[in-house]
Structures are given as structure tokens and as C-alpha cells.
Amino acid sequence: MAALEYAGLPVLRSMAEGATHPLESACFPLIPYCNRIADGKFGFGSHQVSIAPNFAGQHHPLHGLGWLSAWRVVRNEAASVLLEHAHDGCDEWPWAYVAHQHIALDSNGCTVRLLVQNLSAEPAPIGLGLHPYFRRGPDTEVTFEAAAMLGVDAEFLPTDEVFPADEIAAWSLGTSLPAVLVDNTFSGWSGTAQIADRLGAITVRSFGTPHCHVFAPPDGTALCIEPVNHLPDAVNRAPDQMPIVQPGCAAGIAMRIETIVA
């Protein structure tokens, strides 16, 4: 997504003219894994998977395949678009799949749906998430509830440390963004978040995503509240919590964004 606006006001940040990289966009999908995989290596079934780093300066591959892949436009209408991304199971990810991303506008907001079908002949790990960049200003406040916050090491991989969700900011009460880097996953997320500022309020609701990852650098340049259906590096650290999809079956998530103008 390049932009999302309501009544002439930004809801998500707008992609700059001439920009081409997903990290400069308003929102992109996370398929078939979210966040990072440690050293790009894990075992699943009969496979020993090895994935090369996919972004400069990052030692561990991140965000999956879909964000850097071409998506085919299946249907383009006045208020919605259906996109498709297919992977044949070759190269580094040994499971074939087809992913559909449906983005729809209505009078009350925007809904993004992801659905991924396992086309391989065996069960496959399929992680899903969305990576929206919300507008952010000096007066921005964020509210959400979660059970815990995962600690991270210097390379932003999860550690064994688990903290109260409000450890670095009182998210559950509504808080301005802290003057430190937030790049953490929150487990047991309620599925709802609110962003408030002088322009109004943005409400995020997500479905099929028990966790969210929050990215908010102290320089004020970005605010991401990313709905995800598994924890970082789950294929290694918590394989029993990694979503597994049977042959021919599908996994899906959805995100709903609504806004009120002040």
C-alpha cells in the first residue's frame, strides 16, 4: 500500500514519490513468516531450511518472502483490489503456497485480509502478519492491552526474558511514545489498538493474530503496530506455537482500520 487517507488526512504514512522499497511504503504483508529467523536456519519435518539474509545490514532474514515478491493484480475495482503472490516451493522455502491479499475501502474504514493456501503435499509452517506504518506526531498516544513483552538482544532476536506488557510504557492506560527504541513483540495481545493525536483517533482491530509487534524509533520517524500470528523465530524457539497448515488447507488473518477526525 502506498497511502491511506481519510477526509484529506493521513491514516497511514504516505509513500514518497519515487520510492520503491516496501520499507518506504504505508503497509506490506508478512508471508510465510514474521519478524526474524535466527541465522535463517531451522528444521521442520524432513527439511533443514537455510535462508540467506534478505536486507542489507541485517544478519537474520526477516519479514518472509511476500514483501519482496511481485504480486499479480487479480481484480481491481473502485474500492477494492485483490492481489496474488505464488511460491513454487523451490529455492530456500521448500513449501509451495499461493497467497491472496484483499484490500477494501468502505465508508467507515479499510480492511486488509491475507489468505495463504498450502499447495505442497505435506504440512507446512505458514506465518502471517501485516506491517502498517501509522501516522506519528509529537502528540501521538498509543493504547493497547497485552499479556507480556518479549525481550530482545542486540540483533533484535527474542531472548528468554519476558516482561510485563507495560514495562517500558503504560500502553494499557494510553501513553505517549517513549524516548527509547521500541522494537518488541507483545504476546497475548487483545487484538485492538488505538492511536490518538490532534488530528483524531485511529482504531486498529485484528483477527487471527494473538500477538503484535511494535516498532517506534526514538527519532519519531515511524510507528508500526504489526498484527502477527506467531512469535519471532517461533520455528526455532517455540515450534509448537508456529501455525502449521495441512496440504490443501489455508490460513488467514485480517486487519481493520477505522478513524475519527478531531
Protein backbone atom coordinates (compact mmCIF):
# COMPACT_ATOMS: atom_id res chain seq x y z
CA MET A 1 0.00 0.00 0.00
CA ALA A 2 1.28 3.45 -0.90
CA ALA A 3 -1.09 5.53 1.26
CA LEU A 4 -4.28 5.53 3.30
CA GLU A 5 -6.11 8.80 3.93
CA TYR A 6 -9.47 9.85 5.31
CA ALA A 7 -11.04 13.31 4.85
CA GLY A 8 -7.74 14.52 3.42
CA LEU A 9 -5.76 13.43 6.50
CA PRO A 10 -3.16 10.65 6.61
CA VAL A 11 -4.11 7.48 8.45
CA LEU A 12 -1.03 5.57 7.37
CA ARG A 13 2.08 7.42 6.26
CA SER A 14 2.30 8.08 2.53
CA MET A 15 4.98 6.57 0.33
CA ALA A 16 7.26 9.27 -1.04
CA GLU A 17 7.16 9.95 -4.76
CA GLY A 18 9.73 7.76 -6.49
CA ALA A 19 10.11 5.40 -3.55
CA THR A 20 10.19 1.70 -4.45
CA HIS A 21 11.18 -0.29 -1.37
CA PRO A 22 8.50 -1.85 0.87
CA LEU A 23 10.13 -0.30 3.95
CA GLU A 24 9.17 3.08 2.48
CA SER A 25 5.54 2.06 1.96
CA ALA A 26 2.37 2.54 4.01
CA CYS A 27 1.83 -1.18 4.66
CA PHE A 28 3.11 -4.53 3.40
CA PRO A 29 2.32 -8.22 4.11
CA LEU A 30 4.42 -10.70 6.08
CA ILE A 31 4.35 -14.18 4.45
CA PRO A 32 5.25 -17.01 5.19
CA TYR A 33 6.95 -15.91 8.41
CA CYS A 34 7.03 -12.77 10.52
CA ASN A 35 9.92 -10.88 12.03
CA ARG A 36 13.27 -12.74 12.03
CA ILE A 37 14.54 -16.33 11.83
CA ALA A 38 17.81 -16.76 13.73
CA ASP A 39 20.63 -17.22 11.22
CA GLY A 40 17.97 -18.20 8.69
CA LYS A 41 18.13 -21.82 9.82
CA PHE A 42 15.57 -24.24 11.23
CA GLY A 43 14.39 -27.81 10.88
CA PHE A 44 10.84 -28.88 10.09
CA GLY A 45 9.76 -32.40 9.17
CA SER A 46 12.36 -33.81 6.79
CA HIS A 47 13.66 -30.37 5.84
CA GLN A 48 16.68 -28.47 7.07
CA VAL A 49 15.97 -24.95 5.90
CA SER A 50 18.64 -22.32 5.28
CA ILE A 51 17.58 -18.80 4.26
CA ALA A 52 20.05 -16.08 3.32
CA PRO A 53 19.77 -12.57 4.78
CA ASN A 54 17.35 -10.52 2.69
CA PHE A 55 18.04 -6.96 3.77
CA ALA A 56 21.29 -5.00 3.97
CA GLY A 57 22.64 -4.63 7.48
CA GLN A 58 20.50 -7.46 8.86
CA HIS A 59 22.21 -10.72 9.75
CA HIS A 60 18.96 -12.64 10.12
CA PRO A 61 16.36 -12.86 7.31
CA LEU A 62 13.19 -11.01 8.14
CA HIS A 63 9.56 -10.48 7.09
CA GLY A 64 9.29 -13.55 4.84
CA LEU A 65 9.09 -13.73 1.05
CA GLY A 66 5.93 -11.83 0.14
CA TRP A 67 7.17 -8.34 0.94
CA LEU A 68 9.96 -8.56 -1.67
CA SER A 69 8.00 -10.53 -4.28
CA ALA A 70 5.85 -9.44 -7.22
CA TRP A 71 2.09 -9.61 -6.66
CA ARG A 72 -0.31 -10.12 -9.56
CA VAL A 73 -3.45 -7.98 -9.72
CA VAL A 74 -6.34 -10.44 -9.87
CA ARG A 75 -9.14 -7.89 -9.58
CA ASN A 76 -9.07 -4.10 -9.37
CA GLU A 77 -12.29 -2.24 -8.53
CA ALA A 78 -13.15 1.27 -7.41
CA ALA A 79 -12.99 0.46 -3.69
CA SER A 80 -11.02 -2.78 -3.53
CA VAL A 81 -8.16 -4.74 -5.02
CA LEU A 82 -7.29 -8.44 -4.91
CA LEU A 83 -3.61 -9.34 -5.24
CA GLU A 84 -1.92 -12.72 -5.62
CA HIS A 85 1.58 -13.98 -4.83
CA ALA A 86 2.58 -17.58 -5.60
CA HIS A 87 5.64 -19.51 -4.48
CA ASP A 88 6.55 -22.80 -6.16
CA GLY A 89 8.39 -24.38 -3.23
CA CYS A 90 11.80 -24.06 -4.85
CA ASP A 91 14.82 -22.16 -3.59
CA GLU A 92 15.08 -21.53 0.14
CA TRP A 93 11.47 -22.09 1.25
CA PRO A 94 10.57 -25.72 0.42
CA TRP A 95 6.76 -25.43 0.65
CA ALA A 96 4.65 -24.22 -2.25
CA TYR A 97 1.81 -21.82 -1.48
CA VAL A 98 -0.44 -19.21 -3.01
CA ALA A 99 -1.26 -16.02 -1.12
CA HIS A 100 -4.12 -13.59 -1.67
CA GLN A 101 -4.25 -10.07 -0.26
CA HIS A 102 -7.59 -8.28 -0.39
CA ILE A 103 -7.67 -4.57 0.41
CA ALA A 104 -11.13 -2.98 0.61
CA LEU A 105 -12.40 0.50 1.45
CA ASP A 106 -15.85 1.36 2.77
CA SER A 107 -17.50 4.40 4.32
CA ASN A 108 -16.15 3.53 7.77
CA GLY A 109 -12.61 2.35 7.10
CA CYS A 110 -10.23 -0.07 5.42
CA THR A 111 -9.97 -3.85 5.75
CA VAL A 112 -6.94 -5.88 4.71
CA ARG A 113 -7.25 -9.67 4.51
CA LEU A 114 -4.48 -12.22 3.92
CA LEU A 115 -5.21 -15.82 2.98
CA VAL A 116 -2.48 -18.37 2.20
CA GLN A 117 -3.14 -21.88 0.90
CA ASN A 118 -0.58 -24.65 1.33
CA LEU A 119 -0.02 -26.17 -2.13
CA SER A 120 2.64 -28.66 -1.02
CA ALA A 121 1.98 -32.33 -0.34
CA GLU A 122 2.91 -32.07 3.35
CA PRO A 123 2.09 -29.87 6.34
CA ALA A 124 3.85 -26.52 6.16
CA PRO A 125 4.65 -23.72 8.63
CA ILE A 126 2.87 -20.58 7.46
CA GLY A 127 3.22 -17.40 9.45
CA LEU A 128 1.19 -14.32 8.58
CA GLY A 129 1.29 -10.69 9.55
CA LEU A 130 0.79 -7.12 8.36
CA HIS A 131 3.27 -4.26 8.68
CA PRO A 132 1.38 -0.93 8.68
CA TYR A 133 3.12 2.42 9.25
CA PHE A 134 0.70 4.71 11.07
CA ARG A 135 0.93 8.47 11.12
CA ARG A 136 3.01 9.75 14.02
CA GLY A 137 3.42 13.19 15.54
CA PRO A 138 4.87 14.63 18.76
CA ASP A 139 1.47 14.34 20.47
CA THR A 140 0.73 10.75 19.42
CA GLU A 141 -0.56 8.43 22.13
CA VAL A 142 -0.98 4.65 21.82
CA THR A 143 -3.27 2.35 23.78
CA PHE A 144 -3.43 -1.45 23.70
CA GLU A 145 -3.52 -4.40 26.07
CA ALA A 146 -1.30 -7.49 26.02
CA ALA A 147 -0.15 -10.17 28.43
CA ALA A 148 3.61 -9.71 28.13
CA MET A 149 6.50 -8.12 26.22
CA LEU A 150 9.35 -10.25 24.88
CA GLY A 151 12.91 -9.13 25.48
CA VAL A 152 15.29 -8.81 22.52
CA ASP A 153 19.05 -8.99 22.11
CA ALA A 154 21.33 -6.62 20.21
CA GLU A 155 20.31 -8.23 16.89
CA PHE A 156 16.57 -7.95 17.74
CA LEU A 157 16.09 -11.67 18.26
CA PRO A 158 13.95 -12.70 21.24
CA THR A 159 15.70 -13.63 24.46
CA ASP A 160 14.43 -15.75 27.35
CA GLU A 161 13.36 -12.59 29.16
CA VAL A 162 9.63 -11.91 29.42
CA PHE A 163 8.46 -8.60 30.87
CA PRO A 164 5.10 -7.12 31.84
CA ALA A 165 3.49 -5.59 28.78
CA ASP A 166 3.70 -2.12 30.34
CA GLU A 167 7.41 -2.44 31.19
CA ILE A 168 8.64 0.46 29.04
CA ALA A 169 5.38 2.39 28.57
CA ALA A 170 1.90 2.32 30.08
CA TRP A 171 0.27 1.03 26.90
CA SER A 172 -2.79 -0.28 28.72
CA LEU A 173 -3.58 3.22 30.06
CA GLY A 174 -2.70 5.15 26.92
CA THR A 175 0.73 6.67 26.62
CA SER A 176 2.93 8.91 24.55
CA LEU A 177 5.71 7.03 22.80
CA PRO A 178 8.84 6.54 24.92
CA ALA A 179 12.15 8.21 24.12
CA VAL A 180 13.80 4.83 23.59
CA LEU A 181 13.64 2.36 20.72
CA VAL A 182 10.60 0.09 20.84
CA ASP A 183 11.16 -2.98 18.64
CA ASN A 184 9.41 -5.68 20.65
CA THR A 185 6.73 -8.30 20.26
CA PHE A 186 3.80 -8.28 22.67
CA SER A 187 2.22 -11.69 23.30
CA GLY A 188 -1.37 -12.26 24.34
CA TRP A 189 -2.46 -9.10 22.51
CA SER A 190 -6.14 -8.22 22.79
CA GLY A 191 -6.30 -7.64 19.03
CA THR A 192 -7.20 -3.95 19.35
CA ALA A 193 -5.11 -0.78 19.49
CA GLN A 194 -5.88 2.92 19.38
CA ILE A 195 -3.70 5.77 18.16
CA ALA A 196 -4.74 9.28 19.18
CA ASP A 197 -3.37 12.72 18.27
CA ARG A 198 -4.53 16.26 17.49
CA LEU A 199 -6.00 15.03 14.17
CA GLY A 200 -8.27 12.47 15.81
CA ALA A 201 -8.18 8.77 16.60
CA ILE A 202 -7.29 5.63 14.66
CA THR A 203 -8.63 2.26 15.80
CA VAL A 204 -6.96 -0.97 14.72
CA ARG A 205 -8.69 -4.32 15.05
CA SER A 206 -7.07 -7.55 14.02
CA PHE A 207 -8.34 -11.10 13.64
CA GLY A 208 -6.35 -14.34 13.82
CA THR A 209 -3.34 -12.57 15.33
CA PRO A 210 -2.73 -13.22 19.05
CA HIS A 211 0.42 -11.07 19.07
CA CYS A 212 1.57 -7.69 17.82
CA HIS A 213 4.99 -6.26 17.15
CA VAL A 214 5.53 -2.58 17.91
CA PHE A 215 8.24 -0.59 16.15
CA ALA A 216 8.69 3.01 17.25
CA PRO A 217 12.17 4.54 16.97
CA PRO A 218 13.04 7.42 19.31
CA ASP A 219 13.63 9.79 16.37
CA GLY A 220 9.87 9.85 15.75
CA THR A 221 10.09 8.71 12.14
CA ALA A 222 7.81 5.66 12.32
CA LEU A 223 5.06 3.94 14.26
CA CYS A 224 4.22 0.34 13.39
CA ILE A 225 1.72 -1.84 15.23
CA GLU A 226 2.03 -5.12 13.36
CA PRO A 227 -0.58 -7.88 13.85
CA VAL A 228 1.16 -11.28 13.64
CA ASN A 229 0.06 -14.87 14.19
CA HIS A 230 3.30 -16.15 15.74
CA LEU A 231 6.21 -15.02 17.88
CA PRO A 232 9.62 -14.09 16.40
CA ASP A 233 11.79 -17.09 15.46
CA ALA A 234 8.97 -19.42 16.53
CA VAL A 235 10.23 -22.11 14.13
CA ASN A 236 13.24 -22.46 16.45
CA ARG A 237 12.17 -21.15 19.84
CA ALA A 238 8.54 -22.25 20.03
CA PRO A 239 7.76 -24.64 17.15
CA ASP A 240 4.60 -25.83 18.90
CA GLN A 241 3.27 -22.26 18.57
CA MET A 242 4.12 -21.88 14.88
CA PRO A 243 0.97 -22.09 12.71
CA ILE A 244 1.01 -25.36 10.72
CA VAL A 245 -1.24 -25.67 7.67
CA GLN A 246 -2.20 -29.07 6.23
CA PRO A 247 -1.93 -29.79 2.48
CA GLY A 248 -4.67 -28.03 0.54
CA CYS A 249 -5.77 -26.03 3.57
CA ALA A 250 -5.33 -22.31 4.22
CA ALA A 251 -4.54 -19.85 6.98
CA GLY A 252 -5.82 -16.30 7.15
CA ILE A 253 -5.71 -13.06 9.12
CA ALA A 254 -7.40 -9.69 8.79
CA MET A 255 -6.83 -6.10 9.95
CA ARG A 256 -9.49 -3.40 10.19
CA ILE A 257 -8.54 0.29 10.38
CA GLU A 258 -11.10 2.97 11.26
CA THR A 259 -10.57 6.64 12.05
CA ILE A 260 -12.37 9.58 13.67
CA VAL A 261 -11.42 13.13 12.76
CA ALA A 262 -11.00 15.54 15.66
